[in-house]
Amino acid sequence: MRSDVGNEIREIATSLGADYFGIADLAPARNFIAAQGGERVARFPRAVVMGIRLQDSIVNLLEDGNDEGVVLYRHTTYDVVNTALDQIALRVANLLQHTGFGALPVPASKRTSDEGIRSIFSHKLAAHLAGLGWIGKSCLLVTPDHGPRVRWVTVLTDAPLEPTGTPMEPQCGKCTECVDICPEHAFTGRVFAAAEPREARFDAAACDRYYRNLEAEKGAAGVCGLCLFVCPHGRKKGGKR
């Protein structure tokens, strides 16, 4: 492998607007990855994970539940940011492929299993293993500087890239703001433990039902995001309630 490939993909990602960049060694989570996405996904030993910080002014619109604010939040956070992330992932994957390595770009936000309410791979797992943050009580990836106000995308690869970090220990402490604000009480408040299933911390079905009910009631404006909004690690720079 060319010694500069890692630097090249970082430069591509940041030049296209990525605020976060990391490389994760996936070996510690191989069994979990295989259970979620199968061998077609688990065969990749590395993940290149990239994130874009969300606009605080957009996230803060969620506080009052105004329908117009929710429309703006959904458009910017889901449509615009996800598209930008997917474009970054495609460029990174193309470079890795042109260099002679396998690369699988995982879409920024695309459910592949309605039964499991999940995609084939967890971006927050990659970001966690790359040392970019920890899994919070909301089951979101929480960064030290901007909390969960970041969206992620991943490129899985067999390129022998050097990992950028190791998993962070949870820094939520006794805080339960995300647990308390959830309208469906979908979070148990348990601290993340790799050996525990997601269900020990998060009722994804309850969250999904709430989201679908909002869509049925308000159409395309159906969105929640309160757990993301309320996290103190995001609000310390993005504005207080």
C-alpha atoms as a PDB file:
ATOM      1  CA  MET A   1       0.000   0.000   0.000  1.00  0.00           C
ATOM      2  CA  ARG A   2       1.215   3.476  -0.779  1.00  0.00           C
ATOM      3  CA  SER A   3       2.292   5.083   2.464  1.00  0.00           C
ATOM      4  CA  ASP A   4       0.277   8.220   1.695  1.00  0.00           C
ATOM      5  CA  VAL A   5      -3.138   6.590   1.150  1.00  0.00           C
ATOM      6  CA  GLY A   6      -4.263   7.286   4.707  1.00  0.00           C
ATOM      7  CA  ASN A   7      -3.308  10.932   4.346  1.00  0.00           C
ATOM      8  CA  GLU A   8      -4.974  11.130   0.927  1.00  0.00           C
ATOM      9  CA  ILE A   9      -8.327   9.891   2.131  1.00  0.00           C
ATOM     10  CA  ARG A  10      -8.174  12.236   5.119  1.00  0.00           C
ATOM     11  CA  GLU A  11      -7.471  15.153   2.784  1.00  0.00           C
ATOM     12  CA  ILE A  12     -10.354  14.161   0.508  1.00  0.00           C
ATOM     13  CA  ALA A  13     -12.735  13.902   3.438  1.00  0.00           C
ATOM     14  CA  THR A  14     -11.793  17.211   5.007  1.00  0.00           C
ATOM     15  CA  SER A  15     -11.705  19.045   1.672  1.00  0.00           C
ATOM     16  CA  LEU A  16     -15.289  17.919   1.053  1.00  0.00           C
ATOM     17  CA  GLY A  17     -16.485  19.176   4.423  1.00  0.00           C
ATOM     18  CA  ALA A  18     -15.914  16.410   6.967  1.00  0.00           C
ATOM     19  CA  ASP A  19     -15.388  17.804  10.466  1.00  0.00           C
ATOM     20  CA  TYR A  20     -14.424  14.416  11.924  1.00  0.00           C
ATOM     21  CA  PHE A  21     -12.198  11.697  10.492  1.00  0.00           C
ATOM     22  CA  GLY A  22     -11.119   8.426  12.034  1.00  0.00           C
ATOM     23  CA  ILE A  23      -9.905   4.941  11.218  1.00  0.00           C
ATOM     24  CA  ALA A  24     -11.176   2.076  13.341  1.00  0.00           C
ATOM     25  CA  ASP A  25      -9.798  -1.406  13.922  1.00  0.00           C
ATOM     26  CA  LEU A  26     -12.955  -3.527  13.738  1.00  0.00           C
ATOM     27  CA  ALA A  27     -11.445  -6.735  15.128  1.00  0.00           C
ATOM     28  CA  PRO A  28     -12.773  -6.254  18.691  1.00  0.00           C
ATOM     29  CA  ALA A  29     -16.352  -6.041  17.394  1.00  0.00           C
ATOM     30  CA  ARG A  30     -16.197  -8.630  14.613  1.00  0.00           C
ATOM     31  CA  ASN A  31     -18.846 -10.946  16.101  1.00  0.00           C
ATOM     32  CA  PHE A  32     -21.270  -8.066  16.590  1.00  0.00           C
ATOM     33  CA  ILE A  33     -20.635  -6.810  13.058  1.00  0.00           C
ATOM     34  CA  ALA A  34     -21.174 -10.275  11.593  1.00  0.00           C
ATOM     35  CA  ALA A  35     -24.424 -10.702  13.511  1.00  0.00           C
ATOM     36  CA  GLN A  36     -25.686  -7.383  12.168  1.00  0.00           C
ATOM     37  CA  GLY A  37     -24.445  -7.380   8.582  1.00  0.00           C
ATOM     38  CA  GLY A  38     -23.186 -10.885   7.866  1.00  0.00           C
ATOM     39  CA  GLU A  39     -19.816 -12.002   6.577  1.00  0.00           C
ATOM     40  CA  ARG A  40     -20.042  -9.693   3.571  1.00  0.00           C
ATOM     41  CA  VAL A  41     -19.619  -6.825   6.025  1.00  0.00           C
ATOM     42  CA  ALA A  42     -17.547  -8.497   8.760  1.00  0.00           C
ATOM     43  CA  ARG A  43     -14.797  -9.465   6.328  1.00  0.00           C
ATOM     44  CA  PHE A  44     -13.526  -5.881   6.318  1.00  0.00           C
ATOM     45  CA  PRO A  45     -11.009  -5.308   9.138  1.00  0.00           C
ATOM     46  CA  ARG A  46     -10.984  -1.505   8.998  1.00  0.00           C
ATOM     47  CA  ALA A  47     -13.510   1.308   8.879  1.00  0.00           C
ATOM     48  CA  VAL A  48     -12.915   4.849   7.712  1.00  0.00           C
ATOM     49  CA  VAL A  49     -15.496   6.953   9.543  1.00  0.00           C
ATOM     50  CA  MET A  50     -16.288  10.583   8.820  1.00  0.00           C
ATOM     51  CA  GLY A  51     -18.668  13.034  10.433  1.00  0.00           C
ATOM     52  CA  ILE A  52     -20.209  16.427   9.770  1.00  0.00           C
ATOM     53  CA  ARG A  53     -21.156  18.633  12.699  1.00  0.00           C
ATOM     54  CA  LEU A  54     -24.765  19.762  12.592  1.00  0.00           C
ATOM     55  CA  GLN A  55     -25.716  23.422  12.559  1.00  0.00           C
ATOM     56  CA  ASP A  56     -26.545  24.423  16.131  1.00  0.00           C
ATOM     57  CA  SER A  57     -29.109  26.945  14.923  1.00  0.00           C
ATOM     58  CA  ILE A  58     -30.944  24.120  13.152  1.00  0.00           C
ATOM     59  CA  VAL A  59     -30.749  21.655  16.051  1.00  0.00           C
ATOM     60  CA  ASN A  60     -32.000  24.298  18.477  1.00  0.00           C
ATOM     61  CA  LEU A  61     -35.208  24.646  16.451  1.00  0.00           C
ATOM     62  CA  LEU A  62     -36.316  21.336  17.955  1.00  0.00           C
ATOM     63  CA  GLU A  63     -36.796  22.840  21.402  1.00  0.00           C
ATOM     64  CA  ASP A  64     -40.191  24.463  20.803  1.00  0.00           C
ATOM     65  CA  GLY A  65     -41.588  21.791  18.468  1.00  0.00           C
ATOM     66  CA  ASN A  66     -42.601  24.372  15.861  1.00  0.00           C
ATOM     67  CA  ASP A  67     -43.691  22.606  12.665  1.00  0.00           C
ATOM     68  CA  GLU A  68     -41.727  24.923  10.369  1.00  0.00           C
ATOM     69  CA  GLY A  69     -38.596  24.474  12.470  1.00  0.00           C
ATOM     70  CA  VAL A  70     -38.984  20.715  12.324  1.00  0.00           C
ATOM     71  CA  VAL A  71     -39.253  20.868   8.522  1.00  0.00           C
ATOM     72  CA  LEU A  72     -36.011  22.838   8.357  1.00  0.00           C
ATOM     73  CA  TYR A  73     -34.311  20.423  10.764  1.00  0.00           C
ATOM     74  CA  ARG A  74     -35.346  17.381   8.776  1.00  0.00           C
ATOM     75  CA  HIS A  75     -34.314  18.876   5.445  1.00  0.00           C
ATOM     76  CA  THR A  76     -30.907  20.085   6.589  1.00  0.00           C
ATOM     77  CA  THR A  77     -29.987  17.253   8.932  1.00  0.00           C
ATOM     78  CA  TYR A  78     -31.390  14.325   6.980  1.00  0.00           C
ATOM     79  CA  ASP A  79     -31.393  15.367   3.332  1.00  0.00           C
ATOM     80  CA  VAL A  80     -28.547  17.846   2.942  1.00  0.00           C
ATOM     81  CA  VAL A  81     -26.032  16.453   5.454  1.00  0.00           C
ATOM     82  CA  ASN A  82     -26.653  12.802   4.577  1.00  0.00           C
ATOM     83  CA  THR A  83     -26.154  13.538   0.882  1.00  0.00           C
ATOM     84  CA  ALA A  84     -22.907  15.364   1.620  1.00  0.00           C
ATOM     85  CA  LEU A  85     -21.678  12.449   3.743  1.00  0.00           C
ATOM     86  CA  ASP A  86     -22.550   9.910   1.056  1.00  0.00           C
ATOM     87  CA  GLN A  87     -20.594  11.937  -1.503  1.00  0.00           C
ATOM     88  CA  ILE A  88     -17.568  12.003   0.798  1.00  0.00           C
ATOM     89  CA  ALA A  89     -17.800   8.240   1.364  1.00  0.00           C
ATOM     90  CA  LEU A  90     -18.013   7.551  -2.367  1.00  0.00           C
ATOM     91  CA  ARG A  91     -14.893   9.587  -3.075  1.00  0.00           C
ATOM     92  CA  VAL A  92     -12.966   7.833  -0.301  1.00  0.00           C
ATOM     93  CA  ALA A  93     -14.168   4.407  -1.454  1.00  0.00           C
ATOM     94  CA  ASN A  94     -13.181   5.194  -5.038  1.00  0.00           C
ATOM     95  CA  LEU A  95      -9.652   6.139  -4.011  1.00  0.00           C
ATOM     96  CA  LEU A  96      -9.259   2.948  -1.978  1.00  0.00           C
ATOM     97  CA  GLN A  97     -10.573   0.864  -4.872  1.00  0.00           C
ATOM     98  CA  HIS A  98      -8.283   2.579  -7.377  1.00  0.00           C
ATOM     99  CA  THR A  99      -5.395   1.843  -5.044  1.00  0.00           C
ATOM    100  CA  GLY A 100      -6.225  -1.858  -5.208  1.00  0.00           C
ATOM    101  CA  PHE A 101      -8.196  -2.425  -2.007  1.00  0.00           C
ATOM    102  CA  GLY A 102     -11.741  -3.458  -1.280  1.00  0.00           C
ATOM    103  CA  ALA A 103     -14.041  -0.705  -0.101  1.00  0.00           C
ATOM    104  CA  LEU A 104     -17.709  -0.705   0.847  1.00  0.00           C
ATOM    105  CA  PRO A 105     -19.342   2.703   1.454  1.00  0.00           C
ATOM    106  CA  VAL A 106     -22.192   2.355   3.948  1.00  0.00           C
ATOM    107  CA  PRO A 107     -24.863   5.041   3.389  1.00  0.00           C
ATOM    108  CA  ALA A 108     -25.104   7.722   6.039  1.00  0.00           C
ATOM    109  CA  SER A 109     -28.700   6.953   6.951  1.00  0.00           C
ATOM    110  CA  LYS A 110     -30.298   4.027   5.160  1.00  0.00           C
ATOM    111  CA  ARG A 111     -32.231   1.327   6.990  1.00  0.00           C
ATOM    112  CA  THR A 112     -31.671  -2.115   5.497  1.00  0.00           C
ATOM    113  CA  SER A 113     -33.718  -4.102   8.014  1.00  0.00           C
ATOM    114  CA  ASP A 114     -37.175  -3.021   9.133  1.00  0.00           C
ATOM    115  CA  GLU A 115     -37.312  -5.990  11.469  1.00  0.00           C
ATOM    116  CA  GLY A 116     -34.075  -5.035  13.202  1.00  0.00           C
ATOM    117  CA  ILE A 117     -34.627  -1.273  12.761  1.00  0.00           C
ATOM    118  CA  ARG A 118     -31.032  -0.858  11.661  1.00  0.00           C
ATOM    119  CA  SER A 119     -28.583  -0.660   8.785  1.00  0.00           C
ATOM    120  CA  ILE A 120     -26.029  -3.317   7.840  1.00  0.00           C
ATOM    121  CA  PHE A 121     -23.353  -1.531   9.860  1.00  0.00           C
ATOM    122  CA  SER A 122     -23.250   0.886  12.794  1.00  0.00           C
ATOM    123  CA  HIS A 123     -21.537   4.197  12.075  1.00  0.00           C
ATOM    124  CA  LYS A 124     -21.476   5.070  15.757  1.00  0.00           C
ATOM    125  CA  LEU A 125     -19.638   1.796  16.440  1.00  0.00           C
ATOM    126  CA  ALA A 126     -16.950   2.815  13.950  1.00  0.00           C
ATOM    127  CA  ALA A 127     -16.675   6.307  15.434  1.00  0.00           C
ATOM    128  CA  HIS A 128     -16.458   4.834  18.924  1.00  0.00           C
ATOM    129  CA  LEU A 129     -13.718   2.361  17.968  1.00  0.00           C
ATOM    130  CA  ALA A 130     -11.842   5.145  16.155  1.00  0.00           C
ATOM    131  CA  GLY A 131     -11.683   7.148  19.383  1.00  0.00           C
ATOM    132  CA  LEU A 132     -13.996   9.963  18.264  1.00  0.00           C
ATOM    133  CA  GLY A 133     -16.493   9.655  21.111  1.00  0.00           C
ATOM    134  CA  TRP A 134     -18.479   7.323  23.344  1.00  0.00           C
ATOM    135  CA  ILE A 135     -21.912   5.699  23.192  1.00  0.00           C
ATOM    136  CA  GLY A 136     -24.208   7.781  25.389  1.00  0.00           C
ATOM    137  CA  LYS A 137     -27.298   6.789  27.359  1.00  0.00           C
ATOM    138  CA  SER A 138     -29.275   7.865  24.302  1.00  0.00           C
ATOM    139  CA  CYS A 139     -27.386   5.234  22.271  1.00  0.00           C
ATOM    140  CA  LEU A 140     -26.038   8.090  20.146  1.00  0.00           C
ATOM    141  CA  LEU A 141     -22.338   8.665  19.578  1.00  0.00           C
ATOM    142  CA  VAL A 142     -21.347  11.565  21.843  1.00  0.00           C
ATOM    143  CA  THR A 143     -18.267  13.602  20.954  1.00  0.00           C
ATOM    144  CA  PRO A 144     -16.404  15.528  23.682  1.00  0.00           C
ATOM    145  CA  ASP A 145     -16.689  18.839  21.834  1.00  0.00           C
ATOM    146  CA  HIS A 146     -20.085  18.797  20.101  1.00  0.00           C
ATOM    147  CA  GLY A 147     -21.936  16.003  21.829  1.00  0.00           C
ATOM    148  CA  PRO A 148     -24.219  13.990  19.541  1.00  0.00           C
ATOM    149  CA  ARG A 149     -24.690  16.895  17.120  1.00  0.00           C
ATOM    150  CA  VAL A 150     -22.785  15.048  14.406  1.00  0.00           C
ATOM    151  CA  ARG A 151     -23.915  12.751  11.597  1.00  0.00           C
ATOM    152  CA  TRP A 152     -21.672   9.948  10.368  1.00  0.00           C
ATOM    153  CA  VAL A 153     -20.784   7.848   7.361  1.00  0.00           C
ATOM    154  CA  THR A 154     -18.436   4.878   7.023  1.00  0.00           C
ATOM    155  CA  VAL A 155     -16.332   3.194   4.373  1.00  0.00           C
ATOM    156  CA  LEU A 156     -15.385  -0.386   5.215  1.00  0.00           C
ATOM    157  CA  THR A 157     -12.087  -1.533   3.746  1.00  0.00           C
ATOM    158  CA  ASP A 158      -9.403  -4.205   3.769  1.00  0.00           C
ATOM    159  CA  ALA A 159      -6.661  -1.598   3.379  1.00  0.00           C
ATOM    160  CA  PRO A 160      -4.161  -1.941   6.275  1.00  0.00           C
ATOM    161  CA  LEU A 161      -4.722   1.599   7.535  1.00  0.00           C
ATOM    162  CA  GLU A 162      -3.396   2.699  10.903  1.00  0.00           C
ATOM    163  CA  PRO A 163      -6.177   3.167  13.483  1.00  0.00           C
ATOM    164  CA  THR A 164      -6.505   6.701  14.790  1.00  0.00           C
ATOM    165  CA  GLY A 165      -7.574   5.919  18.332  1.00  0.00           C
ATOM    166  CA  THR A 166      -9.207   3.606  20.833  1.00  0.00           C
ATOM    167  CA  PRO A 167     -12.711   3.635  22.369  1.00  0.00           C
ATOM    168  CA  MET A 168     -13.486   6.375  24.867  1.00  0.00           C
ATOM    169  CA  GLU A 169     -15.002   5.580  28.224  1.00  0.00           C
ATOM    170  CA  PRO A 170     -18.527   7.014  28.699  1.00  0.00           C
ATOM    171  CA  GLN A 171     -18.491  10.534  30.121  1.00  0.00           C
ATOM    172  CA  CYS A 172     -22.210  10.930  30.794  1.00  0.00           C
ATOM    173  CA  GLY A 173     -21.796  10.551  34.535  1.00  0.00           C
ATOM    174  CA  LYS A 174     -25.088  10.895  36.405  1.00  0.00           C
ATOM    175  CA  CYS A 175     -26.716  12.947  33.650  1.00  0.00           C
ATOM    176  CA  THR A 176     -30.073  11.571  32.435  1.00  0.00           C
ATOM    177  CA  GLU A 177     -31.336  14.493  30.356  1.00  0.00           C
ATOM    178  CA  CYS A 178     -31.701  12.406  27.186  1.00  0.00           C
ATOM    179  CA  VAL A 179     -33.509   9.693  29.161  1.00  0.00           C
ATOM    180  CA  ASP A 180     -35.855  12.158  30.824  1.00  0.00           C
ATOM    181  CA  ILE A 181     -36.825  14.117  27.705  1.00  0.00           C
ATOM    182  CA  CYS A 182     -37.744  11.101  25.565  1.00  0.00           C
ATOM    183  CA  PRO A 183     -41.520  11.224  24.924  1.00  0.00           C
ATOM    184  CA  GLU A 184     -41.654   7.425  24.568  1.00  0.00           C
ATOM    185  CA  HIS A 185     -39.401   6.639  27.548  1.00  0.00           C
ATOM    186  CA  ALA A 186     -37.359   4.533  25.121  1.00  0.00           C
ATOM    187  CA  PHE A 187     -34.095   4.708  27.100  1.00  0.00           C
ATOM    188  CA  THR A 188     -33.356   2.729  30.245  1.00  0.00           C
ATOM    189  CA  GLY A 189     -30.496   4.993  31.348  1.00  0.00           C
ATOM    190  CA  ARG A 190     -27.982   2.168  31.409  1.00  0.00           C
ATOM    191  CA  VAL A 191     -24.380   3.013  30.553  1.00  0.00           C
ATOM    192  CA  PHE A 192     -23.067   1.428  27.364  1.00  0.00           C
ATOM    193  CA  ALA A 193     -21.517  -2.015  27.723  1.00  0.00           C
ATOM    194  CA  ALA A 194     -20.253  -3.798  24.623  1.00  0.00           C
ATOM    195  CA  ALA A 195     -21.413  -7.194  25.895  1.00  0.00           C
ATOM    196  CA  GLU A 196     -25.028  -6.063  26.319  1.00  0.00           C
ATOM    197  CA  PRO A 197     -27.582  -6.019  23.501  1.00  0.00           C
ATOM    198  CA  ARG A 198     -29.008  -2.695  22.376  1.00  0.00           C
ATOM    199  CA  GLU A 199     -32.328  -3.658  23.952  1.00  0.00           C
ATOM    200  CA  ALA A 200     -30.784  -3.345  27.410  1.00  0.00           C
ATOM    201  CA  ARG A 201     -30.470   0.397  26.820  1.00  0.00           C
ATOM    202  CA  PHE A 202     -32.890   1.346  24.065  1.00  0.00           C
ATOM    203  CA  ASP A 203     -36.361   0.307  22.878  1.00  0.00           C
ATOM    204  CA  ALA A 204     -35.856   0.980  19.174  1.00  0.00           C
ATOM    205  CA  ALA A 205     -39.365  -0.214  18.327  1.00  0.00           C
ATOM    206  CA  ALA A 206     -40.950   2.382  20.622  1.00  0.00           C
ATOM    207  CA  CYS A 207     -38.848   5.139  19.057  1.00  0.00           C
ATOM    208  CA  ASP A 208     -39.734   3.928  15.571  1.00  0.00           C
ATOM    209  CA  ARG A 209     -43.471   3.848  16.345  1.00  0.00           C
ATOM    210  CA  TYR A 210     -43.322   7.393  17.698  1.00  0.00           C
ATOM    211  CA  TYR A 211     -41.529   8.591  14.570  1.00  0.00           C
ATOM    212  CA  ARG A 212     -44.081   6.881  12.301  1.00  0.00           C
ATOM    213  CA  ASN A 213     -46.969   8.328  14.278  1.00  0.00           C
ATOM    214  CA  LEU A 214     -45.481  11.792  13.846  1.00  0.00           C
ATOM    215  CA  GLU A 215     -45.165  11.203  10.111  1.00  0.00           C
ATOM    216  CA  ALA A 216     -48.775  10.053   9.912  1.00  0.00           C
ATOM    217  CA  GLU A 217     -49.880  13.127  11.847  1.00  0.00           C
ATOM    218  CA  LYS A 218     -47.651  15.750  10.243  1.00  0.00           C
ATOM    219  CA  GLY A 219     -46.536  14.185   6.990  1.00  0.00           C
ATOM    220  CA  ALA A 220     -42.923  14.698   5.950  1.00  0.00           C
ATOM    221  CA  ALA A 221     -42.291  16.874   9.020  1.00  0.00           C
ATOM    222  CA  GLY A 222     -42.357  13.892  11.364  1.00  0.00           C
ATOM    223  CA  VAL A 223     -39.130  13.954  13.348  1.00  0.00           C
ATOM    224  CA  CYS A 224     -38.101  14.021  17.010  1.00  0.00           C
ATOM    225  CA  GLY A 225     -34.396  14.504  17.823  1.00  0.00           C
ATOM    226  CA  LEU A 226     -34.960  15.688  21.398  1.00  0.00           C
ATOM    227  CA  CYS A 227     -32.295  13.357  22.815  1.00  0.00           C
ATOM    228  CA  LEU A 228     -29.799  14.850  20.376  1.00  0.00           C
ATOM    229  CA  PHE A 229     -30.860  18.400  21.178  1.00  0.00           C
ATOM    230  CA  VAL A 230     -30.794  18.142  24.962  1.00  0.00           C
ATOM    231  CA  CYS A 231     -27.362  16.555  25.515  1.00  0.00           C
ATOM    232  CA  PRO A 232     -25.232  18.975  27.584  1.00  0.00           C
ATOM    233  CA  HIS A 233     -22.111  18.022  25.629  1.00  0.00           C
ATOM    234  CA  GLY A 234     -23.739  19.533  22.541  1.00  0.00           C
ATOM    235  CA  ARG A 235     -25.472  22.454  24.222  1.00  0.00           C
ATOM    236  CA  LYS A 236     -22.317  23.738  25.915  1.00  0.00           C
ATOM    237  CA  LYS A 237     -21.354  25.302  22.569  1.00  0.00           C
ATOM    238  CA  GLY A 238     -24.616  25.138  20.697  1.00  0.00           C
ATOM    239  CA  GLY A 239     -26.807  27.096  23.059  1.00  0.00           C
ATOM    240  CA  LYS A 240     -28.595  26.402  26.344  1.00  0.00           C
ATOM    241  CA  ARG A 241     -32.249  25.680  26.902  1.00  0.00           C
END
